[in-house]
């Protein structure tokens, strides 16, 4: 088996209540001897569901979530 570790960040906006947040995920991508790929998402070392397959806003329980690239930091001139 071959495992590759990657990090991804996403920005989320709830289309129901308007709440927005950013999330960073550690992802272990494993390919087994039959070329099947599995992924395991982790947040702060704890296993988490994929934010792309099952997005949900816990406070309002909405599944109407917009997933975007995280905002880029803009440097202002000093």
N, C-alpha and C. Protein backbone atom coordinates (compact mmCIF):
# COMPACT_ATOMS: atom_id res chain seq x y z
N UNK A 1 0.85 -1.20 0.00
CA UNK A 1 0.00 0.00 0.00
C UNK A 1 0.88 1.24 0.00
N UNK A 2 0.39 2.25 -0.65
CA UNK A 2 1.11 3.51 -0.74
C UNK A 2 0.21 4.61 -0.18
N UNK A 3 0.73 5.38 0.78
CA UNK A 3 -0.04 6.47 1.39
C UNK A 3 0.66 7.80 1.14
N UNK A 4 -0.13 8.78 0.75
CA UNK A 4 0.38 10.13 0.54
C UNK A 4 -0.38 11.08 1.46
N UNK A 5 0.35 11.98 2.10
CA UNK A 5 -0.26 12.93 3.03
C UNK A 5 -0.30 14.31 2.37
N UNK A 6 -1.49 14.93 2.34
CA UNK A 6 -1.64 16.27 1.77
C UNK A 6 -2.45 17.13 2.74
N UNK A 7 -2.33 18.43 2.57
CA UNK A 7 -3.13 19.37 3.35
C UNK A 7 -3.93 20.24 2.39
N UNK A 8 -5.19 20.48 2.74
CA UNK A 8 -6.06 21.32 1.92
C UNK A 8 -6.86 22.24 2.84
N UNK A 9 -7.16 23.41 2.33
CA UNK A 9 -7.98 24.36 3.07
C UNK A 9 -9.15 24.77 2.19
N UNK A 10 -10.29 25.00 2.81
CA UNK A 10 -11.50 25.41 2.10
C UNK A 10 -12.19 26.49 2.91
N UNK A 11 -12.97 27.31 2.24
CA UNK A 11 -13.84 28.28 2.90
C UNK A 11 -15.28 27.80 2.68
N UNK A 12 -16.11 27.96 3.70
CA UNK A 12 -17.49 27.48 3.66
C UNK A 12 -18.43 28.63 3.99
N UNK A 13 -19.56 28.68 3.30
CA UNK A 13 -20.60 29.66 3.59
C UNK A 13 -21.94 28.93 3.62
N UNK A 14 -22.69 29.09 4.71
CA UNK A 14 -24.01 28.48 4.83
C UNK A 14 -25.01 29.34 4.05
N UNK A 15 -25.74 28.72 3.14
CA UNK A 15 -26.72 29.46 2.34
C UNK A 15 -28.04 29.63 3.09
N UNK A 16 -28.15 29.01 4.27
CA UNK A 16 -29.35 29.12 5.08
C UNK A 16 -29.22 30.28 6.07
N UNK A 17 -28.14 30.28 6.86
CA UNK A 17 -28.01 31.30 7.92
C UNK A 17 -26.93 32.34 7.64
N UNK A 18 -26.11 32.12 6.60
CA UNK A 18 -25.09 33.10 6.23
C UNK A 18 -23.77 32.97 6.95
N UNK A 19 -23.63 32.01 7.86
CA UNK A 19 -22.39 31.84 8.61
C UNK A 19 -21.27 31.41 7.67
N UNK A 20 -20.08 31.96 7.87
CA UNK A 20 -18.93 31.60 7.07
C UNK A 20 -17.79 31.13 7.96
N UNK A 21 -16.96 30.21 7.44
CA UNK A 21 -15.80 29.76 8.19
C UNK A 21 -14.77 29.20 7.21
N UNK A 22 -13.55 29.03 7.71
CA UNK A 22 -12.49 28.38 6.95
C UNK A 22 -12.10 27.11 7.67
N UNK A 23 -11.66 26.13 6.94
CA UNK A 23 -11.23 24.88 7.54
C UNK A 23 -10.01 24.32 6.83
N UNK A 24 -9.05 23.82 7.62
CA UNK A 24 -7.85 23.18 7.07
C UNK A 24 -7.92 21.70 7.42
N UNK A 25 -7.59 20.86 6.46
CA UNK A 25 -7.70 19.42 6.64
C UNK A 25 -6.40 18.73 6.28
N UNK A 26 -6.02 17.74 7.07
CA UNK A 26 -4.93 16.83 6.74
C UNK A 26 -5.60 15.62 6.10
N UNK A 27 -5.12 15.22 4.94
CA UNK A 27 -5.75 14.12 4.20
C UNK A 27 -4.72 13.05 3.91
N UNK A 28 -5.04 11.81 4.30
CA UNK A 28 -4.21 10.67 3.96
C UNK A 28 -4.88 9.95 2.80
N UNK A 29 -4.19 9.89 1.68
CA UNK A 29 -4.70 9.23 0.48
C UNK A 29 -3.93 7.93 0.31
N UNK A 30 -4.64 6.81 0.36
CA UNK A 30 -4.00 5.50 0.29
C UNK A 30 -4.47 4.73 -0.93
N UNK A 31 -3.51 4.11 -1.64
CA UNK A 31 -3.84 3.24 -2.75
C UNK A 31 -3.41 1.82 -2.37
N UNK A 32 -4.37 0.90 -2.42
CA UNK A 32 -4.05 -0.48 -2.04
C UNK A 32 -3.51 -1.27 -3.24
N UNK A 33 -3.22 -2.54 -3.02
CA UNK A 33 -2.62 -3.39 -4.07
C UNK A 33 -3.54 -3.62 -5.27
N UNK A 34 -4.84 -3.31 -5.14
CA UNK A 34 -5.80 -3.44 -6.24
C UNK A 34 -6.12 -2.09 -6.88
N UNK A 35 -5.31 -1.09 -6.58
CA UNK A 35 -5.44 0.27 -7.11
C UNK A 35 -6.71 0.98 -6.64
N UNK A 36 -7.26 0.56 -5.51
CA UNK A 36 -8.40 1.26 -4.93
C UNK A 36 -7.88 2.39 -4.04
N UNK A 37 -8.49 3.53 -4.17
CA UNK A 37 -8.05 4.70 -3.42
C UNK A 37 -9.03 4.98 -2.28
N UNK A 38 -8.49 5.20 -1.09
CA UNK A 38 -9.29 5.60 0.06
C UNK A 38 -8.68 6.87 0.64
N UNK A 39 -9.53 7.69 1.24
CA UNK A 39 -9.06 8.92 1.87
C UNK A 39 -9.53 8.98 3.31
N UNK A 40 -8.71 9.57 4.16
CA UNK A 40 -9.06 9.79 5.56
C UNK A 40 -8.76 11.25 5.87
N UNK A 41 -9.79 11.97 6.28
CA UNK A 41 -9.66 13.39 6.62
C UNK A 41 -9.45 13.54 8.12
N UNK A 42 -8.58 14.48 8.50
CA UNK A 42 -8.34 14.74 9.92
C UNK A 42 -8.30 16.25 10.16
N UNK A 43 -8.86 16.64 11.30
CA UNK A 43 -8.82 18.03 11.75
C UNK A 43 -8.27 18.00 13.17
N UNK A 44 -7.16 18.70 13.40
CA UNK A 44 -6.50 18.70 14.71
C UNK A 44 -6.21 17.29 15.20
N UNK A 45 -5.83 16.40 14.29
CA UNK A 45 -5.48 15.03 14.64
C UNK A 45 -6.65 14.08 14.80
N UNK A 46 -7.87 14.58 14.79
CA UNK A 46 -9.07 13.74 14.94
C UNK A 46 -9.68 13.46 13.58
N UNK A 47 -10.12 12.23 13.38
CA UNK A 47 -10.76 11.87 12.12
C UNK A 47 -12.05 12.67 11.93
N UNK A 48 -12.28 13.12 10.70
CA UNK A 48 -13.44 13.96 10.38
C UNK A 48 -14.05 13.50 9.06
N UNK A 49 -15.34 13.74 8.86
CA UNK A 49 -15.94 13.41 7.56
C UNK A 49 -15.42 14.35 6.48
N UNK A 50 -15.48 13.90 5.25
CA UNK A 50 -15.05 14.74 4.14
C UNK A 50 -15.95 15.97 4.06
N UNK A 51 -15.37 17.17 4.04
CA UNK A 51 -16.19 18.37 3.93
C UNK A 51 -16.79 18.53 2.54
N UNK A 52 -16.28 17.78 1.57
CA UNK A 52 -16.78 17.88 0.21
C UNK A 52 -17.93 16.92 -0.05
N UNK A 53 -18.00 15.82 0.68
CA UNK A 53 -19.05 14.84 0.46
C UNK A 53 -20.24 15.03 1.38
N UNK A 54 -20.02 15.57 2.58
CA UNK A 54 -21.12 15.71 3.53
C UNK A 54 -21.05 17.06 4.24
N UNK A 55 -21.14 18.16 3.50
CA UNK A 55 -21.08 19.47 4.16
C UNK A 55 -22.34 19.73 4.99
N UNK A 56 -22.13 20.28 6.17
CA UNK A 56 -23.27 20.61 7.04
C UNK A 56 -22.85 21.71 8.00
N UNK A 57 -23.76 22.60 8.29
CA UNK A 57 -23.57 23.64 9.30
C UNK A 57 -24.20 23.12 10.57
N UNK A 58 -23.39 22.75 11.59
CA UNK A 58 -23.94 22.14 12.80
C UNK A 58 -24.98 22.99 13.54
N UNK A 59 -24.81 24.31 13.58
CA UNK A 59 -25.72 25.15 14.37
C UNK A 59 -27.14 25.15 13.80
N UNK A 60 -27.28 25.25 12.49
CA UNK A 60 -28.62 25.31 11.91
C UNK A 60 -28.98 24.01 11.17
N UNK A 61 -28.04 23.07 11.14
CA UNK A 61 -28.23 21.76 10.51
C UNK A 61 -28.53 21.83 9.01
N UNK A 62 -28.13 22.92 8.39
CA UNK A 62 -28.36 23.07 6.95
C UNK A 62 -27.32 22.28 6.16
N UNK A 63 -27.73 21.74 5.04
CA UNK A 63 -26.82 21.07 4.12
C UNK A 63 -26.59 21.92 2.88
N UNK A 64 -27.13 23.14 2.90
CA UNK A 64 -26.95 24.07 1.79
C UNK A 64 -25.69 24.89 2.06
N UNK A 65 -24.55 24.34 1.67
CA UNK A 65 -23.26 24.95 1.96
C UNK A 65 -22.54 25.25 0.66
N UNK A 66 -22.01 26.45 0.55
CA UNK A 66 -21.16 26.79 -0.59
C UNK A 66 -19.72 26.57 -0.15
N UNK A 67 -18.98 25.82 -0.96
CA UNK A 67 -17.58 25.53 -0.67
C UNK A 67 -16.73 26.30 -1.67
N UNK A 68 -15.77 27.08 -1.14
CA UNK A 68 -14.95 27.95 -1.98
C UNK A 68 -13.48 27.76 -1.64
N UNK A 69 -12.64 28.31 -2.45
CA UNK A 69 -11.23 28.37 -2.10
C UNK A 69 -11.09 29.31 -0.91
N UNK A 70 -10.11 29.02 -0.04
CA UNK A 70 -9.93 29.95 1.07
C UNK A 70 -9.44 31.30 0.57
N UNK A 71 -9.80 32.38 1.26
CA UNK A 71 -9.34 33.69 0.80
C UNK A 71 -7.82 33.78 0.89
N UNK A 72 -7.26 34.45 -0.07
CA UNK A 72 -5.81 34.65 -0.04
C UNK A 72 -5.50 35.85 0.82
N UNK A 73 -4.41 35.77 1.52
CA UNK A 73 -4.00 36.91 2.35
C UNK A 73 -3.45 38.00 1.44
N UNK A 74 -3.90 39.19 1.69
CA UNK A 74 -3.45 40.33 0.90
C UNK A 74 -2.50 41.15 1.75
N UNK A 75 -1.33 41.38 1.21
CA UNK A 75 -0.36 42.19 1.94
C UNK A 75 -0.59 43.65 1.60
N UNK A 76 -0.64 44.46 2.63
CA UNK A 76 -0.79 45.91 2.40
C UNK A 76 0.59 46.53 2.49
N UNK A 77 0.84 47.53 1.67
CA UNK A 77 2.15 48.19 1.74
C UNK A 77 2.38 48.83 3.09
N UNK A 78 3.59 48.74 3.57
CA UNK A 78 3.93 49.31 4.89
C UNK A 78 4.19 50.77 4.81
